[in-house]
């Protein structure tokens, strides 16, 4: 069984910082990319930041220069450092793993699939 475990959410004042973590837990062979999405009440889920296996990163325009995504392929982990937080950053933040392959032998794996985490709440308010 494979799951994404997120942590690090909470309540923070405008201008503050938070660091989210996401660990892919299970007998994992590889993951093509890991990303963060967020969803505010009454709005659609939107892309925030992503990192592929080679270390290339991408950001939504609204968070570029404030958020930084980083990761460790060996630990199947990705972090999202969020600085200069604004009230409009409030929402549930979801981790997403693309093309996750599960190991079923020393050198073999099952077909890839996409996996979502359960989400962690971030609230930016004074």
C-alpha atoms as a PDB file:
ATOM      1  CA  UNK A   1       0.000   0.000   0.000  1.00  0.00           C
ATOM      2  CA  UNK A   2       1.340   3.419  -0.965  1.00  0.00           C
ATOM      3  CA  UNK A   3       0.264   6.725   0.527  1.00  0.00           C
ATOM      4  CA  UNK A   4       1.384  10.338   0.607  1.00  0.00           C
ATOM      5  CA  UNK A   5       1.749  11.743   4.112  1.00  0.00           C
ATOM      6  CA  UNK A   6       1.630  15.547   4.378  1.00  0.00           C
ATOM      7  CA  UNK A   7       2.533  17.679   7.378  1.00  0.00           C
ATOM      8  CA  UNK A   8       3.428  21.237   8.336  1.00  0.00           C
ATOM      9  CA  UNK A   9       0.172  23.102   7.874  1.00  0.00           C
ATOM     10  CA  UNK A  10      -1.219  25.486  10.444  1.00  0.00           C
ATOM     11  CA  UNK A  11      -2.295  29.009  11.273  1.00  0.00           C
ATOM     12  CA  UNK A  12       0.099  31.845  10.513  1.00  0.00           C
ATOM     13  CA  UNK A  13      -0.129  35.629  10.368  1.00  0.00           C
ATOM     14  CA  UNK A  14       0.231  37.500   7.076  1.00  0.00           C
ATOM     15  CA  UNK A  15       3.903  37.845   6.209  1.00  0.00           C
ATOM     16  CA  UNK A  16       4.779  34.682   8.082  1.00  0.00           C
ATOM     17  CA  UNK A  17       6.261  31.395   6.891  1.00  0.00           C
ATOM     18  CA  UNK A  18       5.399  27.710   6.888  1.00  0.00           C
ATOM     19  CA  UNK A  19       7.160  24.625   5.579  1.00  0.00           C
ATOM     20  CA  UNK A  20       5.103  21.731   4.264  1.00  0.00           C
ATOM     21  CA  UNK A  21       6.438  18.201   3.936  1.00  0.00           C
ATOM     22  CA  UNK A  22       5.195  15.278   1.858  1.00  0.00           C
ATOM     23  CA  UNK A  23       6.569  11.761   2.143  1.00  0.00           C
ATOM     24  CA  UNK A  24       5.592   8.972  -0.219  1.00  0.00           C
ATOM     25  CA  UNK A  25       5.360   5.961   2.055  1.00  0.00           C
ATOM     26  CA  UNK A  26       5.520   2.414   0.731  1.00  0.00           C
ATOM     27  CA  UNK A  27       7.646   0.081  -1.366  1.00  0.00           C
ATOM     28  CA  UNK A  28       8.313   2.651  -4.059  1.00  0.00           C
ATOM     29  CA  UNK A  29      10.414   2.039  -7.147  1.00  0.00           C
ATOM     30  CA  UNK A  30      10.256   5.550  -8.637  1.00  0.00           C
ATOM     31  CA  UNK A  31       8.177   8.700  -8.948  1.00  0.00           C
ATOM     32  CA  UNK A  32       8.284  10.923 -12.041  1.00  0.00           C
ATOM     33  CA  UNK A  33       7.374  14.125 -10.236  1.00  0.00           C
ATOM     34  CA  UNK A  34       5.903  15.458  -7.010  1.00  0.00           C
ATOM     35  CA  UNK A  35       3.823  18.601  -6.786  1.00  0.00           C
ATOM     36  CA  UNK A  36       1.721  20.723  -4.485  1.00  0.00           C
ATOM     37  CA  UNK A  37      -1.806  21.861  -5.260  1.00  0.00           C
ATOM     38  CA  UNK A  38      -4.181  23.885  -3.113  1.00  0.00           C
ATOM     39  CA  UNK A  39      -7.904  24.368  -2.853  1.00  0.00           C
ATOM     40  CA  UNK A  40      -9.648  27.294  -1.179  1.00  0.00           C
ATOM     41  CA  UNK A  41     -13.276  27.019  -0.017  1.00  0.00           C
ATOM     42  CA  UNK A  42     -15.616  27.331  -2.987  1.00  0.00           C
ATOM     43  CA  UNK A  43     -12.791  27.281  -5.519  1.00  0.00           C
ATOM     44  CA  UNK A  44     -11.237  24.692  -7.770  1.00  0.00           C
ATOM     45  CA  UNK A  45      -8.008  22.932  -6.915  1.00  0.00           C
ATOM     46  CA  UNK A  46      -5.034  24.755  -8.449  1.00  0.00           C
ATOM     47  CA  UNK A  47      -1.391  24.000  -9.117  1.00  0.00           C
ATOM     48  CA  UNK A  48       1.097  25.646  -6.749  1.00  0.00           C
ATOM     49  CA  UNK A  49       4.529  24.148  -7.409  1.00  0.00           C
ATOM     50  CA  UNK A  50       6.105  21.026  -8.820  1.00  0.00           C
ATOM     51  CA  UNK A  51       9.450  19.239  -9.009  1.00  0.00           C
ATOM     52  CA  UNK A  52      10.409  16.452 -11.385  1.00  0.00           C
ATOM     53  CA  UNK A  53      12.822  13.640 -10.736  1.00  0.00           C
ATOM     54  CA  UNK A  54      15.648  15.546 -12.373  1.00  0.00           C
ATOM     55  CA  UNK A  55      15.168  18.485 -10.009  1.00  0.00           C
ATOM     56  CA  UNK A  56      13.480  20.863 -12.448  1.00  0.00           C
ATOM     57  CA  UNK A  57      10.862  23.034 -10.759  1.00  0.00           C
ATOM     58  CA  UNK A  58       7.805  25.014 -11.783  1.00  0.00           C
ATOM     59  CA  UNK A  59       5.625  27.495  -9.930  1.00  0.00           C
ATOM     60  CA  UNK A  60       2.283  29.200 -10.257  1.00  0.00           C
ATOM     61  CA  UNK A  61       2.732  32.902 -11.000  1.00  0.00           C
ATOM     62  CA  UNK A  62       0.984  33.827  -7.753  1.00  0.00           C
ATOM     63  CA  UNK A  63       3.620  32.121  -5.576  1.00  0.00           C
ATOM     64  CA  UNK A  64       6.792  32.537  -7.612  1.00  0.00           C
ATOM     65  CA  UNK A  65       9.477  34.395  -5.597  1.00  0.00           C
ATOM     66  CA  UNK A  66       7.681  33.529  -2.323  1.00  0.00           C
ATOM     67  CA  UNK A  67       7.508  29.722  -2.339  1.00  0.00           C
ATOM     68  CA  UNK A  68      10.308  27.224  -2.914  1.00  0.00           C
ATOM     69  CA  UNK A  69       9.867  23.536  -3.653  1.00  0.00           C
ATOM     70  CA  UNK A  70      12.672  21.101  -2.966  1.00  0.00           C
ATOM     71  CA  UNK A  71      12.994  17.359  -2.649  1.00  0.00           C
ATOM     72  CA  UNK A  72      15.008  14.248  -1.970  1.00  0.00           C
ATOM     73  CA  UNK A  73      14.452  11.440  -4.499  1.00  0.00           C
ATOM     74  CA  UNK A  74      16.078   8.856  -2.236  1.00  0.00           C
ATOM     75  CA  UNK A  75      13.619   9.645   0.535  1.00  0.00           C
ATOM     76  CA  UNK A  76      10.627  10.100  -1.812  1.00  0.00           C
ATOM     77  CA  UNK A  77      10.062  13.428  -0.088  1.00  0.00           C
ATOM     78  CA  UNK A  78       9.204  16.920  -1.240  1.00  0.00           C
ATOM     79  CA  UNK A  79       9.050  20.129   0.782  1.00  0.00           C
ATOM     80  CA  UNK A  80       7.342  23.444   0.137  1.00  0.00           C
ATOM     81  CA  UNK A  81       8.850  26.456   1.877  1.00  0.00           C
ATOM     82  CA  UNK A  82       6.260  29.243   1.945  1.00  0.00           C
ATOM     83  CA  UNK A  83       7.383  32.763   2.827  1.00  0.00           C
ATOM     84  CA  UNK A  84       5.616  36.124   2.869  1.00  0.00           C
ATOM     85  CA  UNK A  85       2.293  34.361   3.204  1.00  0.00           C
ATOM     86  CA  UNK A  86      -0.874  36.222   2.269  1.00  0.00           C
ATOM     87  CA  UNK A  87      -4.502  35.624   3.267  1.00  0.00           C
ATOM     88  CA  UNK A  88      -5.188  34.460  -0.291  1.00  0.00           C
ATOM     89  CA  UNK A  89      -2.757  31.582   0.272  1.00  0.00           C
ATOM     90  CA  UNK A  90      -5.291  30.073   2.676  1.00  0.00           C
ATOM     91  CA  UNK A  91      -6.551  26.645   1.678  1.00  0.00           C
ATOM     92  CA  UNK A  92      -6.016  22.930   1.856  1.00  0.00           C
ATOM     93  CA  UNK A  93      -2.681  21.958   0.352  1.00  0.00           C
ATOM     94  CA  UNK A  94      -2.466  18.602  -1.386  1.00  0.00           C
ATOM     95  CA  UNK A  95       0.603  16.641  -2.368  1.00  0.00           C
ATOM     96  CA  UNK A  96       0.503  14.872  -5.757  1.00  0.00           C
ATOM     97  CA  UNK A  97       2.813  12.143  -7.043  1.00  0.00           C
ATOM     98  CA  UNK A  98       2.823  11.522 -10.786  1.00  0.00           C
ATOM     99  CA  UNK A  99       3.579   8.111 -12.303  1.00  0.00           C
ATOM    100  CA  UNK A 100       4.399   6.407  -8.999  1.00  0.00           C
ATOM    101  CA  UNK A 101       5.768   2.890  -9.560  1.00  0.00           C
ATOM    102  CA  UNK A 102       5.639   0.272  -6.818  1.00  0.00           C
ATOM    103  CA  UNK A 103       8.494  -2.206  -6.439  1.00  0.00           C
ATOM    104  CA  UNK A 104       7.509  -5.881  -6.736  1.00  0.00           C
ATOM    105  CA  UNK A 105      10.985  -7.396  -6.979  1.00  0.00           C
ATOM    106  CA  UNK A 106      14.656  -6.386  -6.810  1.00  0.00           C
ATOM    107  CA  UNK A 107      14.562  -4.860 -10.290  1.00  0.00           C
ATOM    108  CA  UNK A 108      10.894  -4.904 -11.236  1.00  0.00           C
ATOM    109  CA  UNK A 109       7.867  -2.735 -10.606  1.00  0.00           C
ATOM    110  CA  UNK A 110       4.183  -2.462 -11.331  1.00  0.00           C
ATOM    111  CA  UNK A 111       2.757   0.117 -13.730  1.00  0.00           C
ATOM    112  CA  UNK A 112       2.763   3.753 -12.689  1.00  0.00           C
ATOM    113  CA  UNK A 113      -0.189   5.576 -11.263  1.00  0.00           C
ATOM    114  CA  UNK A 114      -0.982   9.014  -9.920  1.00  0.00           C
ATOM    115  CA  UNK A 115      -1.519   9.432  -6.170  1.00  0.00           C
ATOM    116  CA  UNK A 116      -2.993  12.269  -4.075  1.00  0.00           C
ATOM    117  CA  UNK A 117      -2.407  12.987  -0.404  1.00  0.00           C
ATOM    118  CA  UNK A 118      -5.172  13.749   2.088  1.00  0.00           C
ATOM    119  CA  UNK A 119      -4.244  17.413   2.380  1.00  0.00           C
ATOM    120  CA  UNK A 120      -3.006  19.739   5.101  1.00  0.00           C
ATOM    121  CA  UNK A 121      -4.732  22.981   6.069  1.00  0.00           C
ATOM    122  CA  UNK A 122      -2.951  26.330   5.767  1.00  0.00           C
ATOM    123  CA  UNK A 123      -4.669  29.384   7.204  1.00  0.00           C
ATOM    124  CA  UNK A 124      -3.175  32.859   6.845  1.00  0.00           C
ATOM    125  CA  UNK A 125      -4.983  35.306   9.103  1.00  0.00           C
ATOM    126  CA  UNK A 126      -4.320  37.998  11.661  1.00  0.00           C
END
